[in-house]
Amino acid sequence: MNATHNEQTKLLATGINNIAVAFIVIGVVTPITAVSFGIAAAPAPSLATAFFASVWFCAGAGLHVLARRALRSLRP
């Protein structure tokens, strides 16, 4: 039972962490890349853009922390 629990916990943590990575890519990496390549639909660099990028980053970091906390329930 411990091995099953551990594998399910690792799968849960991996899923949450993948969502965290997606949040950071969507909210931070994509706008920066779009601006650097001069994409016409890219958001203009402004304080609001930086604020929303930081919100996306913090959401991703928070999800990453949740994934790490899920791994604390692993059983020996």
N, C-alpha and C. Protein backbone atom coordinates (compact mmCIF):
# COMPACT_ATOMS: atom_id res chain seq x y z
N MET A 1 0.81 -1.20 0.00
CA MET A 1 0.00 0.00 0.00
C MET A 1 0.86 1.26 0.00
N ASN A 2 2.01 1.23 0.68
CA ASN A 2 2.88 2.41 0.72
C ASN A 2 3.40 2.76 -0.66
N ALA A 3 3.76 1.74 -1.45
CA ALA A 3 4.29 2.02 -2.78
C ALA A 3 3.21 2.66 -3.66
N THR A 4 1.99 2.17 -3.56
CA THR A 4 0.89 2.75 -4.33
C THR A 4 0.64 4.19 -3.91
N HIS A 5 0.59 4.42 -2.62
CA HIS A 5 0.39 5.78 -2.10
C HIS A 5 1.49 6.71 -2.57
N ASN A 6 2.72 6.25 -2.50
CA ASN A 6 3.85 7.09 -2.91
C ASN A 6 3.79 7.43 -4.40
N GLU A 7 3.44 6.45 -5.23
CA GLU A 7 3.37 6.71 -6.66
C GLU A 7 2.22 7.67 -6.99
N GLN A 8 1.08 7.52 -6.32
CA GLN A 8 -0.04 8.42 -6.54
C GLN A 8 0.32 9.83 -6.08
N THR A 9 1.04 9.94 -4.98
CA THR A 9 1.45 11.25 -4.48
C THR A 9 2.43 11.90 -5.43
N LYS A 10 3.38 11.13 -5.96
CA LYS A 10 4.33 11.69 -6.93
C LYS A 10 3.63 12.12 -8.21
N LEU A 11 2.64 11.35 -8.64
CA LEU A 11 1.88 11.71 -9.84
C LEU A 11 1.11 13.00 -9.61
N LEU A 12 0.49 13.15 -8.45
CA LEU A 12 -0.22 14.38 -8.11
C LEU A 12 0.73 15.58 -8.09
N ALA A 13 1.88 15.42 -7.44
CA ALA A 13 2.85 16.51 -7.36
C ALA A 13 3.37 16.89 -8.75
N THR A 14 3.58 15.91 -9.60
CA THR A 14 4.03 16.18 -10.96
C THR A 14 2.98 16.95 -11.75
N GLY A 15 1.73 16.55 -11.61
CA GLY A 15 0.65 17.26 -12.31
C GLY A 15 0.54 18.71 -11.85
N ILE A 16 0.58 18.93 -10.54
CA ILE A 16 0.50 20.30 -10.02
C ILE A 16 1.69 21.12 -10.49
N ASN A 17 2.88 20.52 -10.47
CA ASN A 17 4.07 21.24 -10.91
C ASN A 17 4.01 21.57 -12.40
N ASN A 18 3.45 20.67 -13.20
CA ASN A 18 3.30 20.95 -14.63
C ASN A 18 2.37 22.14 -14.87
N ILE A 19 1.32 22.24 -14.08
CA ILE A 19 0.43 23.39 -14.18
C ILE A 19 1.17 24.66 -13.76
N ALA A 20 2.01 24.56 -12.73
CA ALA A 20 2.80 25.71 -12.29
C ALA A 20 3.72 26.20 -13.40
N VAL A 21 4.36 25.27 -14.07
CA VAL A 21 5.25 25.63 -15.18
C VAL A 21 4.45 26.29 -16.30
N ALA A 22 3.28 25.76 -16.59
CA ALA A 22 2.44 26.36 -17.64
C ALA A 22 2.04 27.79 -17.28
N PHE A 23 1.72 28.04 -16.01
CA PHE A 23 1.38 29.40 -15.58
C PHE A 23 2.54 30.35 -15.85
N ILE A 24 3.74 29.93 -15.51
CA ILE A 24 4.90 30.80 -15.69
C ILE A 24 5.19 31.02 -17.17
N VAL A 25 5.05 29.99 -17.97
CA VAL A 25 5.30 30.13 -19.40
C VAL A 25 4.25 31.05 -20.04
N ILE A 26 2.99 30.85 -19.67
CA ILE A 26 1.92 31.67 -20.25
C ILE A 26 2.02 33.12 -19.82
N GLY A 27 2.26 33.34 -18.54
CA GLY A 27 2.19 34.70 -18.01
C GLY A 27 3.47 35.49 -18.03
N VAL A 28 4.62 34.82 -18.12
CA VAL A 28 5.90 35.54 -18.04
C VAL A 28 6.72 35.35 -19.31
N VAL A 29 6.98 34.12 -19.66
CA VAL A 29 7.88 33.84 -20.79
C VAL A 29 7.26 34.27 -22.12
N THR A 30 5.99 33.97 -22.33
CA THR A 30 5.36 34.29 -23.61
C THR A 30 5.33 35.80 -23.89
N PRO A 31 4.89 36.64 -22.93
CA PRO A 31 4.91 38.09 -23.23
C PRO A 31 6.32 38.64 -23.46
N ILE A 32 7.29 38.17 -22.70
CA ILE A 32 8.66 38.65 -22.88
C ILE A 32 9.18 38.25 -24.26
N THR A 33 8.90 37.01 -24.65
CA THR A 33 9.34 36.53 -25.96
C THR A 33 8.64 37.30 -27.08
N ALA A 34 7.34 37.55 -26.92
CA ALA A 34 6.60 38.28 -27.95
C ALA A 34 7.15 39.70 -28.12
N VAL A 35 7.45 40.37 -27.02
CA VAL A 35 8.00 41.72 -27.11
C VAL A 35 9.38 41.69 -27.75
N SER A 36 10.20 40.71 -27.38
CA SER A 36 11.57 40.66 -27.91
C SER A 36 11.60 40.37 -29.40
N PHE A 37 10.59 39.65 -29.91
CA PHE A 37 10.53 39.38 -31.35
C PHE A 37 9.73 40.42 -32.11
N GLY A 38 9.17 41.39 -31.42
CA GLY A 38 8.42 42.45 -32.08
C GLY A 38 7.08 42.02 -32.64
N ILE A 39 6.43 41.08 -31.99
CA ILE A 39 5.12 40.63 -32.44
C ILE A 39 4.12 41.78 -32.27
N ALA A 40 3.31 42.03 -33.29
CA ALA A 40 2.39 43.17 -33.26
C ALA A 40 1.36 43.04 -32.14
N ALA A 41 0.93 41.83 -31.84
CA ALA A 41 -0.10 41.62 -30.82
C ALA A 41 0.48 41.52 -29.42
N ALA A 42 1.77 41.73 -29.28
CA ALA A 42 2.41 41.63 -27.96
C ALA A 42 1.95 42.77 -27.06
N PRO A 43 1.81 42.49 -25.77
CA PRO A 43 1.41 43.57 -24.87
C PRO A 43 2.52 44.62 -24.78
N ALA A 44 2.13 45.86 -24.70
CA ALA A 44 3.12 46.93 -24.59
C ALA A 44 3.78 46.85 -23.22
N PRO A 45 5.11 47.02 -23.17
CA PRO A 45 5.77 47.01 -21.86
C PRO A 45 5.26 48.18 -21.01
N SER A 46 4.65 47.85 -19.90
CA SER A 46 4.12 48.87 -19.02
C SER A 46 4.09 48.32 -17.60
N LEU A 47 3.71 49.17 -16.68
CA LEU A 47 3.62 48.75 -15.29
C LEU A 47 2.52 47.70 -15.12
N ALA A 48 1.43 47.85 -15.84
CA ALA A 48 0.34 46.88 -15.77
C ALA A 48 0.78 45.51 -16.28
N THR A 49 1.54 45.50 -17.37
CA THR A 49 2.04 44.24 -17.91
C THR A 49 2.97 43.56 -16.92
N ALA A 50 3.84 44.34 -16.30
CA ALA A 50 4.75 43.78 -15.29
C ALA A 50 3.96 43.26 -14.09
N PHE A 51 2.91 43.96 -13.70
CA PHE A 51 2.09 43.51 -12.58
C PHE A 51 1.44 42.17 -12.88
N PHE A 52 0.82 42.06 -14.07
CA PHE A 52 0.16 40.81 -14.41
C PHE A 52 1.16 39.67 -14.59
N ALA A 53 2.34 39.96 -15.11
CA ALA A 53 3.37 38.92 -15.22
C ALA A 53 3.79 38.46 -13.83
N SER A 54 3.89 39.38 -12.88
CA SER A 54 4.27 38.98 -11.52
C SER A 54 3.14 38.18 -10.86
N VAL A 55 1.89 38.50 -11.18
CA VAL A 55 0.77 37.72 -10.64
C VAL A 55 0.83 36.29 -11.17
N TRP A 56 1.06 36.14 -12.48
CA TRP A 56 1.19 34.80 -13.07
C TRP A 56 2.37 34.05 -12.45
N PHE A 57 3.48 34.76 -12.26
CA PHE A 57 4.66 34.12 -11.67
C PHE A 57 4.38 33.66 -10.25
N CYS A 58 3.74 34.52 -9.47
CA CYS A 58 3.43 34.15 -8.08
C CYS A 58 2.45 32.99 -8.02
N ALA A 59 1.49 32.95 -8.94
CA ALA A 59 0.56 31.82 -8.99
C ALA A 59 1.31 30.53 -9.30
N GLY A 60 2.23 30.59 -10.26
CA GLY A 60 3.03 29.41 -10.59
C GLY A 60 3.92 28.99 -9.43
N ALA A 61 4.52 29.96 -8.76
CA ALA A 61 5.37 29.64 -7.61
C ALA A 61 4.54 29.03 -6.48
N GLY A 62 3.34 29.56 -6.27
CA GLY A 62 2.46 29.01 -5.24
C GLY A 62 2.06 27.57 -5.54
N LEU A 63 1.75 27.29 -6.79
CA LEU A 63 1.43 25.91 -7.16
C LEU A 63 2.63 24.99 -7.00
N HIS A 64 3.81 25.50 -7.30
CA HIS A 64 5.02 24.70 -7.11
C HIS A 64 5.22 24.35 -5.63
N VAL A 65 4.96 25.32 -4.76
CA VAL A 65 5.06 25.06 -3.32
C VAL A 65 4.04 24.01 -2.90
N LEU A 66 2.83 24.06 -3.45
CA LEU A 66 1.83 23.03 -3.13
C LEU A 66 2.30 21.65 -3.58
N ALA A 67 2.94 21.59 -4.75
CA ALA A 67 3.45 20.30 -5.22
C ALA A 67 4.53 19.77 -4.28
N ARG A 68 5.40 20.65 -3.81
CA ARG A 68 6.44 20.23 -2.87
C ARG A 68 5.83 19.76 -1.55
N ARG A 69 4.78 20.43 -1.11
CA ARG A 69 4.13 20.03 0.13
C ARG A 69 3.45 18.66 -0.01
N ALA A 70 2.92 18.39 -1.21
CA ALA A 70 2.29 17.09 -1.44
C ALA A 70 3.32 15.97 -1.29
N LEU A 71 4.56 16.25 -1.67
CA LEU A 71 5.59 15.21 -1.58
C LEU A 71 6.00 14.92 -0.14
N ARG A 72 5.64 15.81 0.79
CA ARG A 72 5.97 15.54 2.19
C ARG A 72 5.18 14.37 2.76
N SER A 73 4.09 13.99 2.09
CA SER A 73 3.30 12.88 2.61
C SER A 73 3.79 11.51 2.13
N LEU A 74 4.95 11.48 1.45
CA LEU A 74 5.50 10.20 1.02
C LEU A 74 5.83 9.35 2.25
N ARG A 75 5.56 8.07 2.14
CA ARG A 75 5.80 7.15 3.25
C ARG A 75 7.04 6.32 2.97
N PRO A 76 7.80 6.03 4.02
CA PRO A 76 9.02 5.21 3.82
C PRO A 76 8.70 3.77 3.51
